Amino acid sequence: MPFLTSEKTVQPDLSGPAPSVAAVIIGRNEGARLVACLASVAPLVDRMVYVDSGSSDGSVSAARAAGAEVVELDMSRPFTAARARNAGFARLGSDHGGDLVQFIDGDCRIDPVWISKAVSFLQATPRAAVVCGRLHEVDVDASVYNRLCDWEWDTPVGRTQACGGIAMMRRAAVAQAGGFREDLIAGEEPDLCQRMIAQGAEIWRIDAAMGYHDAAIYRFGQWWKRNVRAGHAFAEVGDLHPALYPAARRRMVFWGAVLPAVALAGAVFFLPAALLAAALYAASAGRSSWRFARRGFPAADAAKSGLLLTLSKLCNIQGAATYRFRRLRGKASRIIEYK
């Protein structure tokens, strides 16, 4: 089924056979989360491939028991999620691999109705190469960090510039774009989406429950590392696609680098400048806390979330600086894990 048309959109024939759907699941030591993921996916797809990245918890056996084909990555080579996704996609092959591919991480479960809704949308939207929906965090009450993840997943519906790691894609579109860039330690999905868009495809987020993610972030250090990784992605993917997320990169630089420099210089040379910087940080945290409260966050979580969102720019700039420093030294990026 072609996903591009050179002229106006052509309405597809929905009376024909439904396209086949395969799933590519990636994971490493996800334990019970992987078992739940496999159980949620298996009844909904025609074929299931699990790519394991050096697990030592019985993940491979669990995947085989659930009926998945298993690909075990050679861990003597640097690991990235992009490399794992490509390995799973390659296992599907060019024949009988599924017209559509649902990518999913092993710490997520697919909503029972998602696959059918995504397939219907792609059938009705020929130019769409990728469709994703609403991802929910499994236990938002377990920690403020999990609650922030759930907020992060709640993005506007409609045509968009990128998707996350949980999305349904046309197999032909992935192949035409060349798959995921394996040297990216994060942000491989936005990069792929941008290359698809450059070829004339569309990326969509629809108003439908897609799945349930288990971030399992309970410590400040985990949250910090996750945001360091995000900053690394902002910088690296921003170099590849300057038009993607420019406002987010500007905020990262202003709040994570410029304002701290002003505060430090002011503390040494001109105290009012330091006080102004402190006031701006306080105002930013307060404004964010108010917005979280309006979204229904409990008062304590709203206050903490506003502070964390402001602090996240410092994590982001650390990740961006790490990327720049390693690039200047001619070294490859290293994966940043928070679990």
C-alpha atoms as a PDB file:
ATOM      1  CA  MET A   1       0.000   0.000   0.000  1.00  0.00           C
ATOM      2  CA  PRO A   2       1.657   3.273  -1.036  1.00  0.00           C
ATOM      3  CA  PHE A   3       1.879   5.948   1.644  1.00  0.00           C
ATOM      4  CA  LEU A   4       2.653   8.816  -0.699  1.00  0.00           C
ATOM      5  CA  THR A   5       0.742  10.351  -3.580  1.00  0.00           C
ATOM      6  CA  SER A   6       2.182  12.853  -6.013  1.00  0.00           C
ATOM      7  CA  GLU A   7      -1.065  14.789  -6.391  1.00  0.00           C
ATOM      8  CA  LYS A   8      -4.151  14.976  -4.208  1.00  0.00           C
ATOM      9  CA  THR A   9      -4.879  12.413  -1.508  1.00  0.00           C
ATOM     10  CA  VAL A  10      -6.510   9.271  -2.864  1.00  0.00           C
ATOM     11  CA  GLN A  11      -9.101   7.597  -0.657  1.00  0.00           C
ATOM     12  CA  PRO A  12      -8.105   3.979  -0.065  1.00  0.00           C
ATOM     13  CA  ASP A  13     -10.343   1.012  -0.692  1.00  0.00           C
ATOM     14  CA  LEU A  14     -11.277  -0.097   2.830  1.00  0.00           C
ATOM     15  CA  SER A  15     -13.225  -3.077   1.505  1.00  0.00           C
ATOM     16  CA  GLY A  16     -10.057  -5.018   0.732  1.00  0.00           C
ATOM     17  CA  PRO A  17      -8.151  -7.239   3.160  1.00  0.00           C
ATOM     18  CA  ALA A  18      -6.724  -5.561   6.243  1.00  0.00           C
ATOM     19  CA  PRO A  19      -2.961  -4.995   6.147  1.00  0.00           C
ATOM     20  CA  SER A  20      -0.837  -7.398   8.151  1.00  0.00           C
ATOM     21  CA  VAL A  21       0.755  -6.081  11.335  1.00  0.00           C
ATOM     22  CA  ALA A  22       4.035  -7.121  12.915  1.00  0.00           C
ATOM     23  CA  ALA A  23       5.465  -5.948  16.223  1.00  0.00           C
ATOM     24  CA  VAL A  24       9.095  -5.189  17.043  1.00  0.00           C
ATOM     25  CA  ILE A  25       9.740  -5.170  20.789  1.00  0.00           C
ATOM     26  CA  ILE A  26      13.076  -4.186  22.308  1.00  0.00           C
ATOM     27  CA  GLY A  27      14.236  -4.684  25.865  1.00  0.00           C
ATOM     28  CA  ARG A  28      16.908  -5.419  28.395  1.00  0.00           C
ATOM     29  CA  ASN A  29      16.245  -6.961  31.805  1.00  0.00           C
ATOM     30  CA  GLU A  30      12.647  -5.766  31.887  1.00  0.00           C
ATOM     31  CA  GLY A  31      11.456  -8.823  33.816  1.00  0.00           C
ATOM     32  CA  ALA A  32       7.739  -8.788  34.589  1.00  0.00           C
ATOM     33  CA  ARG A  33       7.287  -5.659  32.487  1.00  0.00           C
ATOM     34  CA  LEU A  34       8.383  -7.583  29.387  1.00  0.00           C
ATOM     35  CA  VAL A  35       6.046 -10.496  30.194  1.00  0.00           C
ATOM     36  CA  ALA A  36       3.153  -8.029  30.422  1.00  0.00           C
ATOM     37  CA  CYS A  37       4.255  -6.343  27.198  1.00  0.00           C
ATOM     38  CA  LEU A  38       4.365  -9.618  25.266  1.00  0.00           C
ATOM     39  CA  ALA A  39       0.981 -10.688  26.608  1.00  0.00           C
ATOM     40  CA  SER A  40      -0.576  -7.394  25.510  1.00  0.00           C
ATOM     41  CA  VAL A  41       0.872  -7.541  22.008  1.00  0.00           C
ATOM     42  CA  ALA A  42       0.632 -11.218  21.027  1.00  0.00           C
ATOM     43  CA  PRO A  43      -3.154 -11.394  20.428  1.00  0.00           C
ATOM     44  CA  LEU A  44      -3.167  -8.226  18.331  1.00  0.00           C
ATOM     45  CA  VAL A  45      -0.499  -8.824  15.680  1.00  0.00           C
ATOM     46  CA  ASP A  46       0.347 -11.362  13.011  1.00  0.00           C
ATOM     47  CA  ARG A  47       4.002 -11.637  13.946  1.00  0.00           C
ATOM     48  CA  MET A  48       6.118 -10.617  16.934  1.00  0.00           C
ATOM     49  CA  VAL A  49       9.886 -10.074  17.092  1.00  0.00           C
ATOM     50  CA  TYR A  50      11.696  -9.436  20.357  1.00  0.00           C
ATOM     51  CA  VAL A  51      15.212  -7.961  20.289  1.00  0.00           C
ATOM     52  CA  ASP A  52      17.218  -8.527  23.454  1.00  0.00           C
ATOM     53  CA  SER A  53      20.191  -6.428  24.472  1.00  0.00           C
ATOM     54  CA  GLY A  54      22.182  -8.617  26.825  1.00  0.00           C
ATOM     55  CA  SER A  55      19.499  -9.492  29.396  1.00  0.00           C
ATOM     56  CA  SER A  56      20.397 -11.748  32.307  1.00  0.00           C
ATOM     57  CA  ASP A  57      16.894 -12.114  33.790  1.00  0.00           C
ATOM     58  CA  GLY A  58      15.322 -14.734  31.554  1.00  0.00           C
ATOM     59  CA  SER A  59      13.840 -12.252  29.099  1.00  0.00           C
ATOM     60  CA  VAL A  60      14.854 -14.331  26.096  1.00  0.00           C
ATOM     61  CA  SER A  61      13.112 -17.442  27.432  1.00  0.00           C
ATOM     62  CA  ALA A  62      10.021 -15.442  28.331  1.00  0.00           C
ATOM     63  CA  ALA A  63       9.846 -13.998  24.820  1.00  0.00           C
ATOM     64  CA  ARG A  64      10.127 -17.390  23.174  1.00  0.00           C
ATOM     65  CA  ALA A  65       7.487 -18.808  25.500  1.00  0.00           C
ATOM     66  CA  ALA A  66       5.158 -15.976  24.432  1.00  0.00           C
ATOM     67  CA  GLY A  67       5.585 -16.918  20.778  1.00  0.00           C
ATOM     68  CA  ALA A  68       8.004 -14.190  19.753  1.00  0.00           C
ATOM     69  CA  GLU A  69      10.914 -14.627  17.398  1.00  0.00           C
ATOM     70  CA  VAL A  70      14.040 -13.592  19.262  1.00  0.00           C
ATOM     71  CA  VAL A  71      17.060 -11.636  18.079  1.00  0.00           C
ATOM     72  CA  GLU A  72      19.952 -11.431  20.547  1.00  0.00           C
ATOM     73  CA  LEU A  73      22.241  -8.490  19.839  1.00  0.00           C
ATOM     74  CA  ASP A  74      25.995  -8.911  19.802  1.00  0.00           C
ATOM     75  CA  MET A  75      26.926  -6.785  22.808  1.00  0.00           C
ATOM     76  CA  SER A  76      30.552  -6.493  21.733  1.00  0.00           C
ATOM     77  CA  ARG A  77      29.288  -3.640  19.570  1.00  0.00           C
ATOM     78  CA  PRO A  78      27.962  -0.407  21.128  1.00  0.00           C
ATOM     79  CA  PHE A  79      24.279  -0.730  21.967  1.00  0.00           C
ATOM     80  CA  THR A  80      21.573   1.782  21.104  1.00  0.00           C
ATOM     81  CA  ALA A  81      17.806   1.454  20.990  1.00  0.00           C
ATOM     82  CA  ALA A  82      18.014   2.416  17.316  1.00  0.00           C
ATOM     83  CA  ARG A  83      20.289  -0.535  16.619  1.00  0.00           C
ATOM     84  CA  ALA A  84      17.842  -2.861  18.376  1.00  0.00           C
ATOM     85  CA  ARG A  85      14.873  -1.501  16.412  1.00  0.00           C
ATOM     86  CA  ASN A  86      16.748  -1.942  13.145  1.00  0.00           C
ATOM     87  CA  ALA A  87      17.675  -5.516  14.057  1.00  0.00           C
ATOM     88  CA  GLY A  88      14.035  -6.349  14.723  1.00  0.00           C
ATOM     89  CA  PHE A  89      12.931  -4.664  11.530  1.00  0.00           C
ATOM     90  CA  ALA A  90      15.564  -6.558   9.559  1.00  0.00           C
ATOM     91  CA  ARG A  91      14.335  -9.853  11.040  1.00  0.00           C
ATOM     92  CA  LEU A  92      10.932  -9.176   9.491  1.00  0.00           C
ATOM     93  CA  GLY A  93      12.548  -9.386   6.069  1.00  0.00           C
ATOM     94  CA  SER A  94      11.207  -8.011   2.828  1.00  0.00           C
ATOM     95  CA  ASP A  95       8.506 -10.672   2.410  1.00  0.00           C
ATOM     96  CA  HIS A  96       5.719 -11.524   4.826  1.00  0.00           C
ATOM     97  CA  GLY A  97       7.153  -9.041   7.300  1.00  0.00           C
ATOM     98  CA  GLY A  98       3.973  -7.100   7.891  1.00  0.00           C
ATOM     99  CA  ASP A  99       2.643  -4.145   5.928  1.00  0.00           C
ATOM    100  CA  LEU A 100       2.624  -2.204   9.178  1.00  0.00           C
ATOM    101  CA  VAL A 101       5.072  -2.423  12.079  1.00  0.00           C
ATOM    102  CA  GLN A 102       4.234  -1.563  15.666  1.00  0.00           C
ATOM    103  CA  PHE A 103       7.395  -0.563  17.517  1.00  0.00           C
ATOM    104  CA  ILE A 104       7.214  -0.889  21.280  1.00  0.00           C
ATOM    105  CA  ASP A 105       9.616  -0.954  24.221  1.00  0.00           C
ATOM    106  CA  GLY A 106       9.630  -3.838  26.655  1.00  0.00           C
ATOM    107  CA  ASP A 107       8.561  -1.627  29.561  1.00  0.00           C
ATOM    108  CA  CYS A 108       5.227  -0.804  27.883  1.00  0.00           C
ATOM    109  CA  ARG A 109       1.885  -2.518  27.292  1.00  0.00           C
ATOM    110  CA  ILE A 110      -0.290  -1.916  24.239  1.00  0.00           C
ATOM    111  CA  ASP A 111      -3.900  -0.867  24.749  1.00  0.00           C
ATOM    112  CA  PRO A 112      -6.252  -3.625  23.459  1.00  0.00           C
ATOM    113  CA  VAL A 113      -7.938  -1.336  20.922  1.00  0.00           C
ATOM    114  CA  TRP A 114      -4.867   0.546  19.730  1.00  0.00           C
ATOM    115  CA  ILE A 115      -3.769  -1.735  16.887  1.00  0.00           C
ATOM    116  CA  SER A 116      -7.178  -1.720  15.205  1.00  0.00           C
ATOM    117  CA  LYS A 117      -7.502   2.053  15.542  1.00  0.00           C
ATOM    118  CA  ALA A 118      -4.021   2.676  14.181  1.00  0.00           C
ATOM    119  CA  VAL A 119      -4.582   0.336  11.233  1.00  0.00           C
ATOM    120  CA  SER A 120      -7.880   2.025  10.400  1.00  0.00           C
ATOM    121  CA  PHE A 121      -6.264   5.440  10.524  1.00  0.00           C
ATOM    122  CA  LEU A 122      -3.406   4.444   8.228  1.00  0.00           C
ATOM    123  CA  GLN A 123      -5.846   2.845   5.789  1.00  0.00           C
ATOM    124  CA  ALA A 124      -7.826   6.076   5.680  1.00  0.00           C
ATOM    125  CA  THR A 125      -4.758   8.375   5.514  1.00  0.00           C
ATOM    126  CA  PRO A 126      -2.519   7.291   2.625  1.00  0.00           C
ATOM    127  CA  ARG A 127       0.113   9.995   3.173  1.00  0.00           C
ATOM    128  CA  ALA A 128       0.613   9.033   6.814  1.00  0.00           C
ATOM    129  CA  ALA A 129       3.772   7.006   7.404  1.00  0.00           C
ATOM    130  CA  VAL A 130       3.570   6.984  11.201  1.00  0.00           C
ATOM    131  CA  VAL A 131       0.725   7.121  13.699  1.00  0.00           C
ATOM    132  CA  CYS A 132       0.911   7.260  17.472  1.00  0.00           C
ATOM    133  CA  GLY A 133      -1.594   7.904  20.244  1.00  0.00           C
ATOM    134  CA  ARG A 134      -1.779   8.693  23.939  1.00  0.00           C
ATOM    135  CA  LEU A 135       0.761   6.889  26.099  1.00  0.00           C
ATOM    136  CA  HIS A 136      -0.072   6.733  29.813  1.00  0.00           C
ATOM    137  CA  GLU A 137       2.266   6.158  32.717  1.00  0.00           C
ATOM    138  CA  VAL A 138       1.334   2.997  34.649  1.00  0.00           C
ATOM    139  CA  ASP A 139       1.565   4.370  38.202  1.00  0.00           C
ATOM    140  CA  VAL A 140       1.529   8.156  38.407  1.00  0.00           C
ATOM    141  CA  ASP A 141       1.065   8.006  42.183  1.00  0.00           C
ATOM    142  CA  ALA A 142       4.287   6.079  42.764  1.00  0.00           C
ATOM    143  CA  SER A 143       6.504   9.161  42.387  1.00  0.00           C
ATOM    144  CA  VAL A 144       6.415  12.730  41.159  1.00  0.00           C
ATOM    145  CA  TYR A 145       8.842  11.635  38.443  1.00  0.00           C
ATOM    146  CA  ASN A 146       6.341   9.117  37.065  1.00  0.00           C
ATOM    147  CA  ARG A 147       3.642  11.786  37.156  1.00  0.00           C
ATOM    148  CA  LEU A 148       5.885  14.083  35.111  1.00  0.00           C
ATOM    149  CA  CYS A 149       6.403  11.302  32.570  1.00  0.00           C
ATOM    150  CA  ASP A 150       2.636  10.935  32.199  1.00  0.00           C
ATOM    151  CA  TRP A 151       2.370  14.690  31.609  1.00  0.00           C
ATOM    152  CA  GLU A 152       5.175  14.478  29.047  1.00  0.00           C
ATOM    153  CA  TRP A 153       3.285  11.840  27.035  1.00  0.00           C
ATOM    154  CA  ASP A 154       0.182  14.065  26.801  1.00  0.00           C
ATOM    155  CA  THR A 155       0.975  15.943  23.588  1.00  0.00           C
ATOM    156  CA  PRO A 156      -1.390  17.619  21.078  1.00  0.00           C
ATOM    157  CA  VAL A 157      -3.174  15.491  18.490  1.00  0.00           C
ATOM    158  CA  GLY A 158      -2.989  16.074  14.747  1.00  0.00           C
ATOM    159  CA  ARG A 159      -0.103  16.258  12.298  1.00  0.00           C
ATOM    160  CA  THR A 160       3.187  16.500  14.103  1.00  0.00           C
ATOM    161  CA  GLN A 161       6.922  16.583  13.497  1.00  0.00           C
ATOM    162  CA  ALA A 162       7.965  13.468  15.395  1.00  0.00           C
ATOM    163  CA  CYS A 163       6.894  10.488  17.453  1.00  0.00           C
ATOM    164  CA  GLY A 164       8.348   8.543  20.352  1.00  0.00           C
ATOM    165  CA  GLY A 165       9.520   4.959  20.489  1.00  0.00           C
ATOM    166  CA  ILE A 166       5.971   3.589  20.656  1.00  0.00           C
ATOM    167  CA  ALA A 167       4.344   4.048  17.247  1.00  0.00           C
ATOM    168  CA  MET A 168       2.939   2.195  14.250  1.00  0.00           C
ATOM    169  CA  MET A 169       4.825   2.728  10.985  1.00  0.00           C
ATOM    170  CA  ARG A 170       4.431   1.610   7.404  1.00  0.00           C
ATOM    171  CA  ARG A 171       7.128  -0.939   6.659  1.00  0.00           C
ATOM    172  CA  ALA A 172       7.721   0.563   3.202  1.00  0.00           C
ATOM    173  CA  ALA A 173       8.187   4.017   4.721  1.00  0.00           C
ATOM    174  CA  VAL A 174      10.777   2.812   7.227  1.00  0.00           C
ATOM    175  CA  ALA A 175      12.694   0.994   4.492  1.00  0.00           C
ATOM    176  CA  GLN A 176      12.514   3.960   2.112  1.00  0.00           C
ATOM    177  CA  ALA A 177      13.909   6.291   4.786  1.00  0.00           C
ATOM    178  CA  GLY A 178      16.757   3.896   5.597  1.00  0.00           C
ATOM    179  CA  GLY A 179      15.640   2.897   9.081  1.00  0.00           C
ATOM    180  CA  PHE A 180      16.908   4.318  12.341  1.00  0.00           C
ATOM    181  CA  ARG A 181      20.307   5.962  12.753  1.00  0.00           C
ATOM    182  CA  GLU A 182      22.158   3.497  14.953  1.00  0.00           C
ATOM    183  CA  ASP A 183      24.720   5.993  16.261  1.00  0.00           C
ATOM    184  CA  LEU A 184      22.061   8.096  18.016  1.00  0.00           C
ATOM    185  CA  ILE A 185      21.810   7.233  21.710  1.00  0.00           C
ATOM    186  CA  ALA A 186      18.425   9.013  21.916  1.00  0.00           C
ATOM    187  CA  GLY A 187      16.105  10.884  19.597  1.00  0.00           C
ATOM    188  CA  GLU A 188      16.286   8.268  16.847  1.00  0.00           C
ATOM    189  CA  GLU A 189      12.520   8.441  16.313  1.00  0.00           C
ATOM    190  CA  PRO A 190      12.356  12.220  15.631  1.00  0.00           C
ATOM    191  CA  ASP A 191      15.313  11.834  13.266  1.00  0.00           C
ATOM    192  CA  LEU A 192      13.555   9.082  11.310  1.00  0.00           C
ATOM    193  CA  CYS A 193      10.320  11.085  11.229  1.00  0.00           C
ATOM    194  CA  GLN A 194      12.125  14.121   9.845  1.00  0.00           C
ATOM    195  CA  ARG A 195      13.652  12.034   7.053  1.00  0.00           C
ATOM    196  CA  MET A 196      10.214  10.619   6.249  1.00  0.00           C
ATOM    197  CA  ILE A 197       8.714  14.111   6.155  1.00  0.00           C
ATOM    198  CA  ALA A 198      11.484  15.217   3.793  1.00  0.00           C
ATOM    199  CA  GLN A 199      10.289  12.472   1.437  1.00  0.00           C
ATOM    200  CA  GLY A 200       6.727  13.791   1.547  1.00  0.00           C
ATOM    201  CA  ALA A 201       5.222  11.607   4.278  1.00  0.00           C
ATOM    202  CA  GLU A 202       3.126  12.694   7.254  1.00  0.00           C
ATOM    203  CA  ILE A 203       3.435  11.904  10.966  1.00  0.00           C
ATOM    204  CA  TRP A 204       0.219  11.844  12.988  1.00  0.00           C
ATOM    205  CA  ARG A 205      -0.797  11.664  16.624  1.00  0.00           C
ATOM    206  CA  ILE A 206      -4.438  10.653  17.098  1.00  0.00           C
ATOM    207  CA  ASP A 207      -6.829  10.904  20.038  1.00  0.00           C
ATOM    208  CA  ALA A 208      -6.708   7.259  21.091  1.00  0.00           C
ATOM    209  CA  ALA A 209      -5.246   5.323  23.994  1.00  0.00           C
ATOM    210  CA  MET A 210      -2.070   3.665  22.713  1.00  0.00           C
ATOM    211  CA  GLY A 211      -0.378   2.038  25.661  1.00  0.00           C
ATOM    212  CA  TYR A 212       0.936   2.098  29.207  1.00  0.00           C
ATOM    213  CA  HIS A 213       4.535   2.884  30.076  1.00  0.00           C
ATOM    214  CA  ASP A 214       6.329   1.887  33.254  1.00  0.00           C
ATOM    215  CA  ALA A 215       9.075   4.442  33.777  1.00  0.00           C
ATOM    216  CA  ALA A 216       9.812   3.144  37.295  1.00  0.00           C
ATOM    217  CA  ILE A 217      11.596   6.367  38.251  1.00  0.00           C
ATOM    218  CA  TYR A 218      11.705   6.656  42.019  1.00  0.00           C
ATOM    219  CA  ARG A 219      14.950   8.518  42.678  1.00  0.00           C
ATOM    220  CA  PHE A 220      16.145  12.006  41.812  1.00  0.00           C
ATOM    221  CA  GLY A 221      19.298  10.573  40.223  1.00  0.00           C
ATOM    222  CA  GLN A 222      17.252   8.513  37.763  1.00  0.00           C
ATOM    223  CA  TRP A 223      15.217  11.561  36.794  1.00  0.00           C
ATOM    224  CA  TRP A 224      18.392  13.637  36.348  1.00  0.00           C
ATOM    225  CA  LYS A 225      20.006  11.070  34.039  1.00  0.00           C
ATOM    226  CA  ARG A 226      16.843  10.790  31.949  1.00  0.00           C
ATOM    227  CA  ASN A 227      16.876  14.540  31.370  1.00  0.00           C
ATOM    228  CA  VAL A 228      20.609  14.538  30.646  1.00  0.00           C
ATOM    229  CA  ARG A 229      19.844  12.046  27.893  1.00  0.00           C
ATOM    230  CA  ALA A 230      17.079  14.324  26.602  1.00  0.00           C
ATOM    231  CA  GLY A 231      19.509  17.236  26.400  1.00  0.00           C
ATOM    232  CA  HIS A 232      21.975  15.069  24.503  1.00  0.00           C
ATOM    233  CA  ALA A 233      19.201  14.255  22.021  1.00  0.00           C
ATOM    234  CA  PHE A 234      18.197  17.923  21.688  1.00  0.00           C
ATOM    235  CA  ALA A 235      21.763  18.815  20.709  1.00  0.00           C
ATOM    236  CA  GLU A 236      22.571  15.854  18.458  1.00  0.00           C
ATOM    237  CA  VAL A 237      19.252  15.651  16.623  1.00  0.00           C
ATOM    238  CA  GLY A 238      19.216  19.447  16.447  1.00  0.00           C
ATOM    239  CA  ASP A 239      22.464  19.324  14.489  1.00  0.00           C
ATOM    240  CA  LEU A 240      20.845  16.933  12.028  1.00  0.00           C
ATOM    241  CA  HIS A 241      17.527  18.814  11.812  1.00  0.00           C
ATOM    242  CA  PRO A 242      17.903  22.470  12.868  1.00  0.00           C
ATOM    243  CA  ALA A 243      14.219  23.204  12.254  1.00  0.00           C
ATOM    244  CA  LEU A 244      13.119  20.584  14.801  1.00  0.00           C
ATOM    245  CA  TYR A 245      12.308  21.839  18.314  1.00  0.00           C
ATOM    246  CA  PRO A 246      14.209  25.168  18.056  1.00  0.00           C
ATOM    247  CA  ALA A 247      12.228  26.720  20.925  1.00  0.00           C
ATOM    248  CA  ALA A 248      13.083  23.821  23.243  1.00  0.00           C
ATOM    249  CA  ARG A 249      16.772  24.204  22.441  1.00  0.00           C
ATOM    250  CA  ARG A 250      16.622  27.948  23.061  1.00  0.00           C
ATOM    251  CA  ARG A 251      14.993  27.379  26.443  1.00  0.00           C
ATOM    252  CA  MET A 252      17.649  24.813  27.302  1.00  0.00           C
ATOM    253  CA  VAL A 253      20.458  27.250  26.493  1.00  0.00           C
ATOM    254  CA  PHE A 254      18.864  30.240  28.248  1.00  0.00           C
ATOM    255  CA  TRP A 255      17.787  28.530  31.467  1.00  0.00           C
ATOM    256  CA  GLY A 256      20.604  25.983  31.574  1.00  0.00           C
ATOM    257  CA  ALA A 257      23.602  28.063  30.515  1.00  0.00           C
ATOM    258  CA  VAL A 258      23.013  31.793  30.041  1.00  0.00           C
ATOM    259  CA  LEU A 259      21.095  32.474  33.253  1.00  0.00           C
ATOM    260  CA  PRO A 260      23.455  30.423  35.471  1.00  0.00           C
ATOM    261  CA  ALA A 261      26.373  32.343  33.968  1.00  0.00           C
ATOM    262  CA  VAL A 262      24.618  35.628  34.747  1.00  0.00           C
ATOM    263  CA  ALA A 263      23.925  34.457  38.295  1.00  0.00           C
ATOM    264  CA  LEU A 264      27.525  33.416  38.860  1.00  0.00           C
ATOM    265  CA  ALA A 265      28.976  36.596  37.374  1.00  0.00           C
ATOM    266  CA  GLY A 266      26.479  38.688  39.326  1.00  0.00           C
ATOM    267  CA  ALA A 267      27.389  36.978  42.597  1.00  0.00           C
ATOM    268  CA  VAL A 268      30.998  38.009  42.009  1.00  0.00           C
ATOM    269  CA  PHE A 269      30.699  41.400  40.314  1.00  0.00           C
ATOM    270  CA  PHE A 270      27.153  42.766  40.522  1.00  0.00           C
ATOM    271  CA  LEU A 271      24.789  41.289  43.104  1.00  0.00           C
ATOM    272  CA  PRO A 272      21.540  42.682  41.594  1.00  0.00           C
ATOM    273  CA  ALA A 273      22.157  40.557  38.472  1.00  0.00           C
ATOM    274  CA  ALA A 274      22.384  37.422  40.611  1.00  0.00           C
ATOM    275  CA  LEU A 275      19.212  38.360  42.453  1.00  0.00           C
ATOM    276  CA  LEU A 276      17.423  38.957  39.144  1.00  0.00           C
ATOM    277  CA  ALA A 277      18.485  35.520  37.910  1.00  0.00           C
ATOM    278  CA  ALA A 278      17.232  33.924  41.127  1.00  0.00           C
ATOM    279  CA  ALA A 279      13.918  35.766  40.760  1.00  0.00           C
ATOM    280  CA  LEU A 280      13.517  34.514  37.187  1.00  0.00           C
ATOM    281  CA  TYR A 281      14.098  30.930  38.292  1.00  0.00           C
ATOM    282  CA  ALA A 282      11.574  31.320  41.103  1.00  0.00           C
ATOM    283  CA  ALA A 283       9.021  32.842  38.733  1.00  0.00           C
ATOM    284  CA  SER A 284       9.531  30.038  36.212  1.00  0.00           C
ATOM    285  CA  ALA A 285       9.087  27.347  38.856  1.00  0.00           C
ATOM    286  CA  GLY A 286       6.039  29.101  40.275  1.00  0.00           C
ATOM    287  CA  ARG A 287       4.383  29.513  36.889  1.00  0.00           C
ATOM    288  CA  SER A 288       4.982  25.857  36.034  1.00  0.00           C
ATOM    289  CA  SER A 289       3.644  24.738  39.419  1.00  0.00           C
ATOM    290  CA  TRP A 290       0.468  26.751  38.848  1.00  0.00           C
ATOM    291  CA  ARG A 291      -0.013  25.107  35.445  1.00  0.00           C
ATOM    292  CA  PHE A 292       0.476  21.636  36.910  1.00  0.00           C
ATOM    293  CA  ALA A 293      -2.046  22.415  39.639  1.00  0.00           C
ATOM    294  CA  ARG A 294      -4.558  23.466  36.985  1.00  0.00           C
ATOM    295  CA  ARG A 295      -4.033  20.092  35.290  1.00  0.00           C
ATOM    296  CA  GLY A 296      -5.101  18.331  38.476  1.00  0.00           C
ATOM    297  CA  PHE A 297      -1.744  17.550  40.086  1.00  0.00           C
ATOM    298  CA  PRO A 298      -1.952  17.281  43.891  1.00  0.00           C
ATOM    299  CA  ALA A 299      -0.617  20.476  45.490  1.00  0.00           C
ATOM    300  CA  ALA A 300       2.655  18.943  46.698  1.00  0.00           C
ATOM    301  CA  ASP A 301       3.328  17.246  43.353  1.00  0.00           C
ATOM    302  CA  ALA A 302       2.469  20.452  41.465  1.00  0.00           C
ATOM    303  CA  ALA A 303       5.043  22.389  43.493  1.00  0.00           C
ATOM    304  CA  LYS A 304       7.702  19.709  43.082  1.00  0.00           C
ATOM    305  CA  SER A 305       6.956  19.323  39.370  1.00  0.00           C
ATOM    306  CA  GLY A 306       7.333  23.043  38.736  1.00  0.00           C
ATOM    307  CA  LEU A 307      10.719  23.022  40.430  1.00  0.00           C
ATOM    308  CA  LEU A 308      11.830  19.894  38.592  1.00  0.00           C
ATOM    309  CA  LEU A 309      10.753  21.270  35.222  1.00  0.00           C
ATOM    310  CA  THR A 310      12.888  24.353  35.850  1.00  0.00           C
ATOM    311  CA  LEU A 311      15.829  22.243  37.019  1.00  0.00           C
ATOM    312  CA  SER A 312      15.513  19.995  33.965  1.00  0.00           C
ATOM    313  CA  LYS A 313      17.140  22.678  31.810  1.00  0.00           C
ATOM    314  CA  LEU A 314      20.342  22.212  33.822  1.00  0.00           C
ATOM    315  CA  CYS A 315      20.192  18.461  33.140  1.00  0.00           C
ATOM    316  CA  ASN A 316      19.524  19.166  29.461  1.00  0.00           C
ATOM    317  CA  ILE A 317      22.505  21.479  29.112  1.00  0.00           C
ATOM    318  CA  GLN A 318      24.727  18.875  30.769  1.00  0.00           C
ATOM    319  CA  GLY A 319      23.648  16.356  28.142  1.00  0.00           C
ATOM    320  CA  ALA A 320      24.161  18.854  25.322  1.00  0.00           C
ATOM    321  CA  ALA A 321      27.613  19.769  26.645  1.00  0.00           C
ATOM    322  CA  THR A 322      28.525  16.073  26.908  1.00  0.00           C
ATOM    323  CA  TYR A 323      27.576  15.613  23.264  1.00  0.00           C
ATOM    324  CA  ARG A 324      29.569  18.687  22.156  1.00  0.00           C
ATOM    325  CA  PHE A 325      32.623  17.687  24.169  1.00  0.00           C
ATOM    326  CA  ARG A 326      32.704  14.140  22.823  1.00  0.00           C
ATOM    327  CA  ARG A 327      32.166  15.384  19.280  1.00  0.00           C
ATOM    328  CA  LEU A 328      35.097  17.801  19.582  1.00  0.00           C
ATOM    329  CA  ARG A 329      37.265  14.909  20.735  1.00  0.00           C
ATOM    330  CA  GLY A 330      36.067  12.752  17.842  1.00  0.00           C
ATOM    331  CA  LYS A 331      34.518  10.141  20.123  1.00  0.00           C
ATOM    332  CA  ALA A 332      31.230   8.324  19.683  1.00  0.00           C
ATOM    333  CA  SER A 333      28.326   9.009  22.016  1.00  0.00           C
ATOM    334  CA  ARG A 334      27.711   6.568  24.854  1.00  0.00           C
ATOM    335  CA  ILE A 335      24.288   5.370  25.904  1.00  0.00           C
ATOM    336  CA  ILE A 336      22.860   7.077  29.017  1.00  0.00           C
ATOM    337  CA  GLU A 337      20.740   4.691  31.108  1.00  0.00           C
ATOM    338  CA  TYR A 338      18.528   5.792  33.992  1.00  0.00           C
ATOM    339  CA  LYS A 339      17.189   2.374  35.066  1.00  0.00           C
END
